[in-house]
């Protein structure tokens, strides 16, 4: 299913590993420089529910289409989780999610259903 822009705020999590970290670092820099979006820490460890190394991209409904098209063109086969930011972390990571590429298993034990 193609991602639908139904919320006000979003996060994208770009997944990588030790073999692709140089590429991911360049993509992260490009997102910040070219798209002028906030990018979070370059996590070369597991953080939150993410079972792979990742970095976060913060964006809103106005930036949704541009970022997703850019990521689809530039992600080079990497998996990217797109999820809404509604204040309900459980739903944001289970119901309000879209994937570019293959889904990555999330560790949801830290999120309680509300």
N, C-alpha and C. Protein backbone atom coordinates (compact mmCIF):
# COMPACT_ATOMS: atom_id res chain seq x y z
N UNK A 1 0.84 -1.18 0.00
CA UNK A 1 0.00 0.00 0.00
C UNK A 1 0.89 1.24 0.00
N UNK A 2 0.57 2.20 -0.87
CA UNK A 2 1.34 3.43 -0.93
C UNK A 2 1.03 4.29 0.29
N UNK A 3 2.06 4.91 0.89
CA UNK A 3 1.84 5.74 2.07
C UNK A 3 0.83 6.86 1.82
N UNK A 4 -0.03 7.05 2.79
CA UNK A 4 -1.02 8.12 2.72
C UNK A 4 -0.69 9.18 3.76
N UNK A 5 -0.83 10.41 3.39
CA UNK A 5 -0.53 11.54 4.25
C UNK A 5 -1.78 11.88 5.06
N UNK A 6 -1.94 11.25 6.22
CA UNK A 6 -3.15 11.40 7.03
C UNK A 6 -2.92 12.10 8.36
N UNK A 7 -1.67 12.45 8.68
CA UNK A 7 -1.35 13.02 9.99
C UNK A 7 -0.58 14.32 9.83
N UNK A 8 -0.37 15.01 10.92
CA UNK A 8 0.33 16.30 10.87
C UNK A 8 1.85 16.14 10.94
N UNK A 9 2.32 15.20 11.76
CA UNK A 9 3.76 15.04 11.98
C UNK A 9 4.17 13.59 11.77
N UNK A 10 5.43 13.42 11.32
CA UNK A 10 5.96 12.10 11.00
C UNK A 10 7.42 11.98 11.39
N UNK A 11 7.83 10.73 11.53
CA UNK A 11 9.24 10.36 11.60
C UNK A 11 9.50 9.34 10.50
N UNK A 12 10.70 9.39 9.96
CA UNK A 12 11.20 8.33 9.09
C UNK A 12 12.44 7.80 9.77
N UNK A 13 12.63 6.50 9.73
CA UNK A 13 13.83 5.87 10.29
C UNK A 13 14.52 5.12 9.16
N UNK A 14 15.72 5.57 8.84
CA UNK A 14 16.53 5.00 7.77
C UNK A 14 17.43 3.95 8.41
N UNK A 15 17.30 2.69 7.97
CA UNK A 15 18.05 1.58 8.57
C UNK A 15 19.30 1.26 7.77
N UNK A 16 20.36 0.92 8.51
CA UNK A 16 21.63 0.57 7.88
C UNK A 16 22.41 -0.36 8.80
N UNK A 17 23.54 -0.84 8.32
CA UNK A 17 24.41 -1.69 9.14
C UNK A 17 25.86 -1.24 8.96
N UNK A 18 26.79 -1.98 9.52
CA UNK A 18 28.20 -1.55 9.47
C UNK A 18 28.72 -1.50 8.04
N UNK A 19 28.18 -2.32 7.16
CA UNK A 19 28.65 -2.34 5.77
C UNK A 19 28.10 -1.18 4.96
N UNK A 20 26.98 -0.62 5.39
CA UNK A 20 26.36 0.47 4.63
C UNK A 20 26.37 1.79 5.40
N UNK A 21 27.14 1.86 6.48
CA UNK A 21 27.11 3.07 7.31
C UNK A 21 27.67 4.29 6.59
N UNK A 22 28.66 4.12 5.73
CA UNK A 22 29.21 5.26 5.00
C UNK A 22 28.15 5.85 4.05
N UNK A 23 27.43 4.97 3.35
CA UNK A 23 26.35 5.41 2.47
C UNK A 23 25.26 6.12 3.29
N UNK A 24 24.87 5.52 4.42
CA UNK A 24 23.82 6.10 5.26
C UNK A 24 24.23 7.47 5.79
N UNK A 25 25.50 7.62 6.15
CA UNK A 25 25.98 8.92 6.64
C UNK A 25 25.86 9.98 5.55
N UNK A 26 26.16 9.62 4.32
CA UNK A 26 26.04 10.57 3.20
C UNK A 26 24.58 10.91 2.95
N UNK A 27 23.70 9.92 2.97
CA UNK A 27 22.26 10.18 2.78
C UNK A 27 21.74 11.10 3.87
N UNK A 28 22.16 10.85 5.10
CA UNK A 28 21.75 11.68 6.24
C UNK A 28 22.15 13.13 6.00
N UNK A 29 23.38 13.35 5.58
CA UNK A 29 23.88 14.70 5.31
C UNK A 29 23.10 15.35 4.16
N UNK A 30 22.81 14.59 3.12
CA UNK A 30 22.05 15.13 1.99
C UNK A 30 20.64 15.54 2.41
N UNK A 31 20.00 14.73 3.24
CA UNK A 31 18.64 15.07 3.71
C UNK A 31 18.66 16.39 4.46
N UNK A 32 19.67 16.56 5.30
CA UNK A 32 19.79 17.80 6.06
C UNK A 32 20.12 18.98 5.13
N UNK A 33 21.08 18.79 4.24
CA UNK A 33 21.56 19.88 3.39
C UNK A 33 20.59 20.20 2.24
N UNK A 34 20.13 19.20 1.52
CA UNK A 34 19.31 19.42 0.33
C UNK A 34 17.85 19.67 0.67
N UNK A 35 17.31 18.88 1.60
CA UNK A 35 15.89 19.00 1.94
C UNK A 35 15.63 19.90 3.15
N UNK A 36 16.70 20.29 3.84
CA UNK A 36 16.61 21.17 5.02
C UNK A 36 15.70 20.59 6.10
N UNK A 37 15.79 19.28 6.31
CA UNK A 37 15.00 18.62 7.34
C UNK A 37 15.89 18.28 8.53
N UNK A 38 15.27 18.21 9.71
CA UNK A 38 15.99 17.78 10.90
C UNK A 38 16.28 16.29 10.80
N UNK A 39 17.52 15.93 11.05
CA UNK A 39 17.89 14.51 11.14
C UNK A 39 18.49 14.27 12.52
N UNK A 40 18.09 13.16 13.11
CA UNK A 40 18.56 12.83 14.45
C UNK A 40 19.93 12.19 14.44
N UNK A 41 20.31 11.71 15.58
CA UNK A 41 21.62 11.08 15.76
C UNK A 41 21.82 9.91 14.81
N UNK A 42 23.06 9.69 14.47
CA UNK A 42 23.47 8.57 13.63
C UNK A 42 23.75 7.40 14.58
N UNK A 43 22.73 6.59 14.79
CA UNK A 43 22.77 5.55 15.83
C UNK A 43 23.43 4.27 15.31
N UNK A 44 24.66 4.05 15.74
CA UNK A 44 25.36 2.82 15.42
C UNK A 44 25.26 1.86 16.61
N UNK A 45 24.06 1.80 17.13
CA UNK A 45 23.64 0.89 18.19
C UNK A 45 22.13 0.82 18.10
N UNK A 46 21.53 -0.09 18.82
CA UNK A 46 20.08 -0.23 18.79
C UNK A 46 19.45 0.79 19.74
N UNK A 47 18.45 1.50 19.25
CA UNK A 47 17.80 2.56 20.02
C UNK A 47 16.30 2.35 19.92
N UNK A 48 15.62 2.43 21.07
CA UNK A 48 14.16 2.30 21.09
C UNK A 48 13.70 0.99 20.51
N UNK A 49 12.68 1.02 19.68
CA UNK A 49 12.14 -0.23 19.14
C UNK A 49 12.90 -0.73 17.90
N UNK A 50 13.96 -0.02 17.52
CA UNK A 50 14.64 -0.33 16.26
C UNK A 50 15.67 -1.44 16.46
N UNK A 51 15.57 -2.47 15.65
CA UNK A 51 16.43 -3.64 15.76
C UNK A 51 17.59 -3.59 14.78
N UNK A 52 17.79 -2.44 14.17
CA UNK A 52 18.94 -2.18 13.31
C UNK A 52 19.45 -0.77 13.63
N UNK A 53 20.66 -0.49 13.22
CA UNK A 53 21.17 0.87 13.32
C UNK A 53 20.28 1.78 12.49
N UNK A 54 20.15 3.04 12.90
CA UNK A 54 19.22 3.92 12.18
C UNK A 54 19.52 5.38 12.48
N UNK A 55 18.91 6.23 11.69
CA UNK A 55 18.80 7.63 12.04
C UNK A 55 17.38 8.07 11.72
N UNK A 56 16.95 9.11 12.42
CA UNK A 56 15.58 9.60 12.32
C UNK A 56 15.53 10.87 11.49
N UNK A 57 14.44 11.02 10.76
CA UNK A 57 14.15 12.24 10.00
C UNK A 57 12.81 12.74 10.50
N UNK A 58 12.73 14.00 10.91
CA UNK A 58 11.48 14.60 11.36
C UNK A 58 10.91 15.44 10.22
N UNK A 59 9.61 15.27 9.97
CA UNK A 59 8.97 16.05 8.91
C UNK A 59 7.48 16.16 9.18
N UNK A 60 6.82 17.01 8.39
CA UNK A 60 5.39 17.23 8.61
C UNK A 60 4.61 16.91 7.34
N UNK A 61 3.32 17.12 7.41
CA UNK A 61 2.43 16.76 6.30
C UNK A 61 2.78 17.52 5.02
N UNK A 62 3.25 18.76 5.14
CA UNK A 62 3.62 19.53 3.94
C UNK A 62 4.86 18.98 3.25
N UNK A 63 5.74 18.33 4.02
CA UNK A 63 6.99 17.80 3.47
C UNK A 63 6.88 16.33 3.09
N UNK A 64 5.74 15.72 3.36
CA UNK A 64 5.53 14.29 3.21
C UNK A 64 5.88 13.78 1.80
N UNK A 65 5.21 14.29 0.80
CA UNK A 65 5.38 13.78 -0.56
C UNK A 65 6.80 13.98 -1.07
N UNK A 66 7.36 15.16 -0.84
CA UNK A 66 8.71 15.44 -1.31
C UNK A 66 9.73 14.49 -0.68
N UNK A 67 9.64 14.29 0.63
CA UNK A 67 10.60 13.42 1.30
C UNK A 67 10.44 11.97 0.84
N UNK A 68 9.21 11.47 0.78
CA UNK A 68 9.03 10.07 0.38
C UNK A 68 9.50 9.82 -1.04
N UNK A 69 9.23 10.74 -1.94
CA UNK A 69 9.73 10.59 -3.31
C UNK A 69 11.26 10.62 -3.34
N UNK A 70 11.85 11.52 -2.57
CA UNK A 70 13.31 11.63 -2.52
C UNK A 70 13.92 10.35 -1.95
N UNK A 71 13.35 9.86 -0.85
CA UNK A 71 13.86 8.63 -0.24
C UNK A 71 13.73 7.44 -1.19
N UNK A 72 12.60 7.34 -1.86
CA UNK A 72 12.40 6.22 -2.78
C UNK A 72 13.46 6.23 -3.88
N UNK A 73 13.84 7.39 -4.32
CA UNK A 73 14.85 7.52 -5.37
C UNK A 73 16.26 7.27 -4.86
N UNK A 74 16.56 7.66 -3.62
CA UNK A 74 17.93 7.67 -3.11
C UNK A 74 18.27 6.60 -2.08
N UNK A 75 17.32 5.82 -1.61
CA UNK A 75 17.60 4.91 -0.49
C UNK A 75 18.45 3.70 -0.87
N UNK A 76 18.60 3.43 -2.16
CA UNK A 76 19.52 2.38 -2.64
C UNK A 76 19.25 1.03 -1.98
N UNK A 77 17.97 0.66 -1.89
CA UNK A 77 17.60 -0.65 -1.34
C UNK A 77 17.47 -0.71 0.16
N UNK A 78 17.81 0.35 0.86
CA UNK A 78 17.69 0.35 2.33
C UNK A 78 16.22 0.43 2.73
N UNK A 79 15.91 -0.16 3.86
CA UNK A 79 14.57 -0.09 4.43
C UNK A 79 14.39 1.22 5.18
N UNK A 80 13.21 1.81 5.02
CA UNK A 80 12.88 3.05 5.72
C UNK A 80 11.49 2.89 6.31
N UNK A 81 11.39 3.09 7.61
CA UNK A 81 10.11 3.10 8.31
C UNK A 81 9.58 4.53 8.32
N UNK A 82 8.35 4.70 7.89
CA UNK A 82 7.66 5.99 7.96
C UNK A 82 6.52 5.80 8.96
N UNK A 83 6.44 6.66 9.97
CA UNK A 83 5.31 6.53 10.90
C UNK A 83 4.84 7.89 11.38
N UNK A 84 3.57 7.94 11.71
CA UNK A 84 2.97 9.15 12.25
C UNK A 84 3.50 9.41 13.66
N UNK A 85 3.41 10.65 14.07
CA UNK A 85 3.74 11.04 15.45
C UNK A 85 2.47 11.66 16.03
N UNK A 86 1.73 10.83 16.76
CA UNK A 86 0.44 11.27 17.30
C UNK A 86 0.44 11.40 18.81
N UNK A 87 1.50 10.92 19.46
CA UNK A 87 1.52 10.88 20.92
C UNK A 87 1.22 9.50 21.46
N UNK A 88 0.78 8.60 20.61
CA UNK A 88 0.55 7.21 21.00
C UNK A 88 1.61 6.35 20.32
N UNK A 89 2.72 6.12 21.02
CA UNK A 89 3.86 5.41 20.42
C UNK A 89 3.48 4.03 19.91
N UNK A 90 2.61 3.34 20.62
CA UNK A 90 2.22 2.00 20.18
C UNK A 90 1.53 2.05 18.82
N UNK A 91 0.50 2.88 18.69
CA UNK A 91 -0.20 2.99 17.40
C UNK A 91 0.71 3.56 16.32
N UNK A 92 1.54 4.52 16.70
CA UNK A 92 2.45 5.12 15.72
C UNK A 92 3.39 4.09 15.10
N UNK A 93 3.73 3.05 15.85
CA UNK A 93 4.67 2.03 15.37
C UNK A 93 4.00 0.73 14.93
N UNK A 94 2.65 0.68 15.01
CA UNK A 94 1.94 -0.54 14.58
C UNK A 94 0.89 -0.26 13.52
N UNK A 95 0.06 0.76 13.73
CA UNK A 95 -1.05 1.04 12.83
C UNK A 95 -0.73 2.13 11.81
N UNK A 96 0.02 3.13 12.23
CA UNK A 96 0.27 4.30 11.38
C UNK A 96 1.65 4.22 10.74
N UNK A 97 1.98 3.07 10.17
CA UNK A 97 3.31 2.85 9.59
C UNK A 97 3.23 2.52 8.11
N UNK A 98 4.27 2.90 7.41
CA UNK A 98 4.49 2.54 6.02
C UNK A 98 5.95 2.19 5.87
N UNK A 99 6.25 1.34 4.93
CA UNK A 99 7.63 0.93 4.69
C UNK A 99 8.04 1.25 3.26
N UNK A 100 9.23 1.76 3.13
CA UNK A 100 9.91 1.82 1.85
C UNK A 100 10.93 0.70 1.92
N UNK A 101 10.83 -0.27 1.04
CA UNK A 101 11.71 -1.43 1.12
C UNK A 101 11.13 -2.48 2.04
N UNK A 102 11.96 -3.43 2.41
CA UNK A 102 11.53 -4.54 3.26
C UNK A 102 11.30 -4.08 4.69
N UNK A 103 10.19 -4.50 5.30
CA UNK A 103 9.96 -4.18 6.71
C UNK A 103 11.05 -4.77 7.60
N UNK A 104 11.37 -4.06 8.66
CA UNK A 104 12.33 -4.50 9.67
C UNK A 104 11.53 -4.75 10.94
N UNK A 105 11.76 -5.87 11.57
CA UNK A 105 11.04 -6.19 12.81
C UNK A 105 11.36 -5.14 13.87
N UNK A 106 10.32 -4.68 14.56
CA UNK A 106 10.47 -3.72 15.65
C UNK A 106 10.27 -4.44 16.98
N UNK A 107 10.96 -3.97 18.01
CA UNK A 107 10.80 -4.49 19.35
C UNK A 107 9.84 -3.56 20.09
N UNK A 108 8.58 -3.94 20.15
CA UNK A 108 7.52 -3.10 20.70
C UNK A 108 7.28 -3.31 22.19
N UNK A 109 8.13 -4.09 22.86
CA UNK A 109 7.90 -4.37 24.28
C UNK A 109 7.87 -3.12 25.15
N UNK A 110 8.52 -2.04 24.72
CA UNK A 110 8.55 -0.81 25.52
C UNK A 110 7.32 0.06 25.33
N UNK A 111 6.44 -0.32 24.41
CA UNK A 111 5.24 0.47 24.13
C UNK A 111 4.01 -0.28 24.62
N UNK A 112 3.21 0.38 25.41
CA UNK A 112 1.98 -0.24 25.88
C UNK A 112 0.82 0.22 24.99
N UNK A 113 -0.04 -0.72 24.61
CA UNK A 113 -1.23 -0.30 23.87
C UNK A 113 -2.07 0.65 24.71
N UNK A 114 -2.60 1.69 24.10
CA UNK A 114 -3.42 2.67 24.84
C UNK A 114 -4.87 2.54 24.43
